[in-house]
Amino acid sequence: MGYTHYYSVRDRGSTEWQQAWPALIADALTVVEATRGYVDLSGPAEDLEDYSQPPSINVRTGIHLNGVGSNSHEDFILQKNGQWRFCKTRRKSYDVVVTCILLRAFMLAPGQFHVSSDGSWAEWMEARDLYDELWPDEDVRCPWGEGEEESDSEETGSINGGS
C-alpha cells in the first residue's frame, strides 16, 4: 500500500480556475525554487531511469515532476483541464513539493480544486510549513476539512481530542 494524493478540478471552465491557473504555474515554480538544494526533482522522460530532465512547469502543458533515483515514485502531473488524477509519493522527499503545490492550487481555487490524501493533515506539516514560509500572509487550511483538533488527536493517539 502507498501514500497517495488525489486531485481534480470540479469545473475547469470556471472563472475561478481560469484565473488561478497562471498564478498556480508561477507559484509552482516558486515552490520548486524554494526546495532546490534539499529536494532533487526530475521531469518527464521517455526512459523511467532518466532523471536528467528538469521538472516541466508551464501554462500550456501544466506541471510534471518527480523525485530522482530512489527518491522518485509516481510522476506528479497537474494540467489545466484538471482531470481526476492521483500521485503516489510513498512519502519520498519530493512529497513536500507535491503537497505544497496541491495546497496552493486549493488555496487559489477553493471552490474548484478538490484534494484528498491517504495522509492526515498532520502528515502534511512539512508542506504547510513551506507554504507558510512562501505565503506568510495566508492562513492555509486543510483541503478535505480535517481540523487541527483531529490532527492533534492523531499525533497523540487519543480519540476526539480526549485523553
C-alpha atoms as a PDB file:
ATOM      1  CA  MET A   1       0.000   0.000   0.000  1.00  0.00           C
ATOM      2  CA  GLY A   2       1.210   3.500  -0.743  1.00  0.00           C
ATOM      3  CA  TYR A   3       0.766   7.031   0.324  1.00  0.00           C
ATOM      4  CA  THR A   4      -1.326   8.722  -2.363  1.00  0.00           C
ATOM      5  CA  HIS A   5      -2.798  12.160  -3.054  1.00  0.00           C
ATOM      6  CA  TYR A   6      -5.921  12.570  -5.215  1.00  0.00           C
ATOM      7  CA  TYR A   7      -6.928  15.755  -7.015  1.00  0.00           C
ATOM      8  CA  SER A   8      -9.204  17.210  -9.680  1.00  0.00           C
ATOM      9  CA  VAL A   9     -10.918  20.375 -10.838  1.00  0.00           C
ATOM     10  CA  ARG A  10     -14.690  20.462 -10.419  1.00  0.00           C
ATOM     11  CA  ASP A  11     -15.395  22.897 -13.301  1.00  0.00           C
ATOM     12  CA  ARG A  12     -12.331  23.537 -15.433  1.00  0.00           C
ATOM     13  CA  GLY A  13     -14.173  26.277 -17.356  1.00  0.00           C
ATOM     14  CA  SER A  14     -14.981  28.245 -14.206  1.00  0.00           C
ATOM     15  CA  THR A  15     -13.687  31.790 -13.836  1.00  0.00           C
ATOM     16  CA  GLU A  16     -12.094  30.837 -10.517  1.00  0.00           C
ATOM     17  CA  TRP A  17      -9.976  28.051 -12.063  1.00  0.00           C
ATOM     18  CA  GLN A  18      -9.151  30.010 -15.223  1.00  0.00           C
ATOM     19  CA  GLN A  19      -7.838  32.894 -13.101  1.00  0.00           C
ATOM     20  CA  ALA A  20      -5.998  30.612 -10.674  1.00  0.00           C
ATOM     21  CA  TRP A  21      -4.150  28.606 -13.336  1.00  0.00           C
ATOM     22  CA  PRO A  22      -1.446  31.141 -14.382  1.00  0.00           C
ATOM     23  CA  ALA A  23      -0.866  32.085 -10.742  1.00  0.00           C
ATOM     24  CA  LEU A  24      -0.542  28.401  -9.823  1.00  0.00           C
ATOM     25  CA  ILE A  25       2.083  27.866 -12.523  1.00  0.00           C
ATOM     26  CA  ALA A  26       4.125  30.828 -11.255  1.00  0.00           C
ATOM     27  CA  ASP A  27       3.724  29.652  -7.676  1.00  0.00           C
ATOM     28  CA  ALA A  28       4.709  26.060  -8.542  1.00  0.00           C
ATOM     29  CA  LEU A  29       7.970  27.452  -9.913  1.00  0.00           C
ATOM     30  CA  THR A  30       8.392  29.293  -6.604  1.00  0.00           C
ATOM     31  CA  VAL A  31       7.883  26.044  -4.664  1.00  0.00           C
ATOM     32  CA  VAL A  32      10.440  24.206  -6.791  1.00  0.00           C
ATOM     33  CA  GLU A  33      12.953  27.022  -6.381  1.00  0.00           C
ATOM     34  CA  ALA A  34      12.393  27.145  -2.608  1.00  0.00           C
ATOM     35  CA  THR A  35      13.186  23.434  -2.287  1.00  0.00           C
ATOM     36  CA  ARG A  36      16.230  23.478  -4.562  1.00  0.00           C
ATOM     37  CA  GLY A  37      19.192  22.077  -2.679  1.00  0.00           C
ATOM     38  CA  TYR A  38      17.243  19.774  -0.401  1.00  0.00           C
ATOM     39  CA  VAL A  39      14.756  18.104  -2.768  1.00  0.00           C
ATOM     40  CA  ASP A  40      16.103  16.748  -6.047  1.00  0.00           C
ATOM     41  CA  LEU A  41      13.489  16.826  -8.795  1.00  0.00           C
ATOM     42  CA  SER A  42      13.218  15.491 -12.313  1.00  0.00           C
ATOM     43  CA  GLY A  43      10.753  15.958 -15.128  1.00  0.00           C
ATOM     44  CA  PRO A  44       9.097  13.876 -17.815  1.00  0.00           C
ATOM     45  CA  ALA A  45      11.299  11.394 -19.665  1.00  0.00           C
ATOM     46  CA  GLU A  46      10.854   8.530 -22.104  1.00  0.00           C
ATOM     47  CA  ASP A  47      13.142   6.282 -20.048  1.00  0.00           C
ATOM     48  CA  LEU A  48      11.937   5.644 -16.490  1.00  0.00           C
ATOM     49  CA  GLU A  49      15.557   5.651 -15.302  1.00  0.00           C
ATOM     50  CA  ASP A  50      16.345   9.041 -16.917  1.00  0.00           C
ATOM     51  CA  TYR A  51      16.383  11.680 -14.208  1.00  0.00           C
ATOM     52  CA  SER A  52      18.282  14.271 -16.250  1.00  0.00           C
ATOM     53  CA  GLN A  53      15.205  16.180 -17.360  1.00  0.00           C
ATOM     54  CA  PRO A  54      14.186  19.124 -15.171  1.00  0.00           C
ATOM     55  CA  PRO A  55      10.603  19.463 -13.933  1.00  0.00           C
ATOM     56  CA  SER A  56       8.262  20.788 -16.605  1.00  0.00           C
ATOM     57  CA  ILE A  57       6.129  23.683 -15.369  1.00  0.00           C
ATOM     58  CA  ASN A  58       4.378  25.994 -17.810  1.00  0.00           C
ATOM     59  CA  VAL A  59       0.930  27.401 -18.524  1.00  0.00           C
ATOM     60  CA  ARG A  60       0.445  25.392 -21.711  1.00  0.00           C
ATOM     61  CA  THR A  61       1.346  21.858 -20.578  1.00  0.00           C
ATOM     62  CA  GLY A  62       0.982  22.188 -16.809  1.00  0.00           C
ATOM     63  CA  ILE A  63       3.105  20.701 -14.034  1.00  0.00           C
ATOM     64  CA  HIS A  64       5.031  17.449 -14.439  1.00  0.00           C
ATOM     65  CA  LEU A  65       7.652  16.394 -11.901  1.00  0.00           C
ATOM     66  CA  ASN A  66       9.039  13.526  -9.865  1.00  0.00           C
ATOM     67  CA  GLY A  67      11.857  12.854  -7.458  1.00  0.00           C
ATOM     68  CA  VAL A  68      15.217  11.452  -8.502  1.00  0.00           C
ATOM     69  CA  GLY A  69      16.554   7.900  -8.234  1.00  0.00           C
ATOM     70  CA  SER A  70      15.437   6.068  -5.117  1.00  0.00           C
ATOM     71  CA  ASN A  71      13.577   9.242  -4.062  1.00  0.00           C
ATOM     72  CA  SER A  72      11.242   9.040  -7.055  1.00  0.00           C
ATOM     73  CA  HIS A  73       7.990   7.168  -7.387  1.00  0.00           C
ATOM     74  CA  GLU A  74       4.993   8.238  -9.481  1.00  0.00           C
ATOM     75  CA  ASP A  75       5.030  11.353 -11.636  1.00  0.00           C
ATOM     76  CA  PHE A  76       3.029  14.287 -10.326  1.00  0.00           C
ATOM     77  CA  ILE A  77       1.027  15.712 -13.223  1.00  0.00           C
ATOM     78  CA  LEU A  78      -1.403  18.621 -12.957  1.00  0.00           C
ATOM     79  CA  GLN A  79      -2.879  20.087 -16.103  1.00  0.00           C
ATOM     80  CA  LYS A  80      -5.268  22.948 -16.725  1.00  0.00           C
ATOM     81  CA  ASN A  81      -8.012  20.526 -17.818  1.00  0.00           C
ATOM     82  CA  GLY A  82      -7.980  19.332 -14.203  1.00  0.00           C
ATOM     83  CA  GLN A  83      -8.931  15.733 -14.892  1.00  0.00           C
ATOM     84  CA  TRP A  84      -9.041  13.475 -11.857  1.00  0.00           C
ATOM     85  CA  ARG A  85      -5.574  12.204 -11.037  1.00  0.00           C
ATOM     86  CA  PHE A  86      -3.582  10.718  -8.226  1.00  0.00           C
ATOM     87  CA  CYS A  87       0.082  10.636  -7.294  1.00  0.00           C
ATOM     88  CA  LYS A  88       1.608   8.018  -5.030  1.00  0.00           C
ATOM     89  CA  THR A  89       4.734   9.574  -3.495  1.00  0.00           C
ATOM     90  CA  ARG A  90       5.288   6.953  -0.766  1.00  0.00           C
ATOM     91  CA  ARG A  91       6.388   9.849   1.467  1.00  0.00           C
ATOM     92  CA  LYS A  92       9.591  10.267  -0.524  1.00  0.00           C
ATOM     93  CA  SER A  93      11.388  13.613  -0.419  1.00  0.00           C
ATOM     94  CA  TYR A  94       9.519  15.117  -3.387  1.00  0.00           C
ATOM     95  CA  ASP A  95       6.239  14.723  -1.463  1.00  0.00           C
ATOM     96  CA  VAL A  96       6.744  18.165   0.113  1.00  0.00           C
ATOM     97  CA  VAL A  97       6.799  19.745  -3.358  1.00  0.00           C
ATOM     98  CA  VAL A  98       3.707  17.816  -4.493  1.00  0.00           C
ATOM     99  CA  THR A  99       1.698  18.580  -1.362  1.00  0.00           C
ATOM    100  CA  CYS A 100       2.703  22.249  -1.280  1.00  0.00           C
ATOM    101  CA  ILE A 101       1.612  22.671  -4.925  1.00  0.00           C
ATOM    102  CA  LEU A 102      -1.671  20.890  -4.155  1.00  0.00           C
ATOM    103  CA  LEU A 103      -2.222  23.215  -1.190  1.00  0.00           C
ATOM    104  CA  ARG A 104      -1.523  26.234  -3.375  1.00  0.00           C
ATOM    105  CA  ALA A 105      -3.980  25.040  -6.025  1.00  0.00           C
ATOM    106  CA  PHE A 106      -6.641  24.593  -3.364  1.00  0.00           C
ATOM    107  CA  MET A 107      -5.971  27.994  -1.795  1.00  0.00           C
ATOM    108  CA  LEU A 108      -6.095  29.750  -5.187  1.00  0.00           C
ATOM    109  CA  ALA A 109      -9.304  27.998  -6.261  1.00  0.00           C
ATOM    110  CA  PRO A 110     -11.006  26.561  -3.171  1.00  0.00           C
ATOM    111  CA  GLY A 111     -14.374  26.305  -4.867  1.00  0.00           C
ATOM    112  CA  GLN A 112     -12.993  24.359  -7.814  1.00  0.00           C
ATOM    113  CA  PHE A 113      -9.905  22.398  -6.800  1.00  0.00           C
ATOM    114  CA  HIS A 114     -10.557  19.164  -4.938  1.00  0.00           C
ATOM    115  CA  VAL A 115      -7.775  17.445  -2.950  1.00  0.00           C
ATOM    116  CA  SER A 116      -7.769  14.390  -0.716  1.00  0.00           C
ATOM    117  CA  SER A 117      -4.988  12.209   0.606  1.00  0.00           C
ATOM    118  CA  ASP A 118      -4.219   8.910   2.263  1.00  0.00           C
ATOM    119  CA  GLY A 119      -2.213  11.001   4.703  1.00  0.00           C
ATOM    120  CA  SER A 120      -3.617  13.001   7.581  1.00  0.00           C
ATOM    121  CA  TRP A 121      -3.401  16.786   7.825  1.00  0.00           C
ATOM    122  CA  ALA A 122      -0.664  16.280  10.417  1.00  0.00           C
ATOM    123  CA  GLU A 123       1.365  14.367   7.817  1.00  0.00           C
ATOM    124  CA  TRP A 124       1.269  17.444   5.567  1.00  0.00           C
ATOM    125  CA  MET A 125       3.145  19.523   8.168  1.00  0.00           C
ATOM    126  CA  GLU A 126       6.310  19.926   6.081  1.00  0.00           C
ATOM    127  CA  ALA A 127       4.250  21.226   3.137  1.00  0.00           C
ATOM    128  CA  ARG A 128       2.263  23.501   5.462  1.00  0.00           C
ATOM    129  CA  ASP A 129       5.484  24.936   6.878  1.00  0.00           C
ATOM    130  CA  LEU A 130       6.834  25.557   3.370  1.00  0.00           C
ATOM    131  CA  TYR A 131       3.526  27.157   2.368  1.00  0.00           C
ATOM    132  CA  ASP A 132       3.663  29.451   5.412  1.00  0.00           C
ATOM    133  CA  GLU A 133       7.218  30.426   4.504  1.00  0.00           C
ATOM    134  CA  LEU A 134       6.267  31.272   0.906  1.00  0.00           C
ATOM    135  CA  TRP A 135       2.881  32.911   1.591  1.00  0.00           C
ATOM    136  CA  PRO A 136       3.105  34.138   5.206  1.00  0.00           C
ATOM    137  CA  ASP A 137       0.026  36.363   4.985  1.00  0.00           C
ATOM    138  CA  GLU A 138      -2.311  33.465   4.172  1.00  0.00           C
ATOM    139  CA  ASP A 139      -3.870  31.015   6.600  1.00  0.00           C
ATOM    140  CA  VAL A 140      -3.571  27.675   4.863  1.00  0.00           C
ATOM    141  CA  ARG A 141      -6.379  25.269   5.648  1.00  0.00           C
ATOM    142  CA  CYS A 142      -6.927  21.591   5.130  1.00  0.00           C
ATOM    143  CA  PRO A 143      -8.440  20.921   1.689  1.00  0.00           C
ATOM    144  CA  TRP A 144     -10.504  17.981   2.938  1.00  0.00           C
ATOM    145  CA  GLY A 145     -11.802  19.715   6.058  1.00  0.00           C
ATOM    146  CA  GLU A 146      -9.777  17.887   8.696  1.00  0.00           C
ATOM    147  CA  GLY A 147      -9.305  20.235  11.641  1.00  0.00           C
ATOM    148  CA  GLU A 148      -6.335  20.822  13.889  1.00  0.00           C
ATOM    149  CA  GLU A 149      -8.134  19.072  16.745  1.00  0.00           C
ATOM    150  CA  GLU A 150      -8.341  15.874  14.687  1.00  0.00           C
ATOM    151  CA  SER A 151      -4.695  16.172  13.629  1.00  0.00           C
ATOM    152  CA  ASP A 152      -3.580  16.736  17.206  1.00  0.00           C
ATOM    153  CA  SER A 153      -5.510  13.717  18.456  1.00  0.00           C
ATOM    154  CA  GLU A 154      -3.965  11.533  15.732  1.00  0.00           C
ATOM    155  CA  GLU A 155      -0.493  12.599  16.795  1.00  0.00           C
ATOM    156  CA  THR A 156      -1.166  11.769  20.443  1.00  0.00           C
ATOM    157  CA  GLY A 157      -3.200   8.663  19.729  1.00  0.00           C
ATOM    158  CA  SER A 158      -6.262   9.938  21.571  1.00  0.00           C
ATOM    159  CA  ILE A 159      -9.803   9.830  20.222  1.00  0.00           C
ATOM    160  CA  ASN A 160     -11.843  13.021  19.704  1.00  0.00           C
ATOM    161  CA  GLY A 161      -9.148  15.061  21.378  1.00  0.00           C
ATOM    162  CA  GLY A 162      -9.706  13.347  24.738  1.00  0.00           C
ATOM    163  CA  SER A 163      -7.022  11.916  26.952  1.00  0.00           C
END
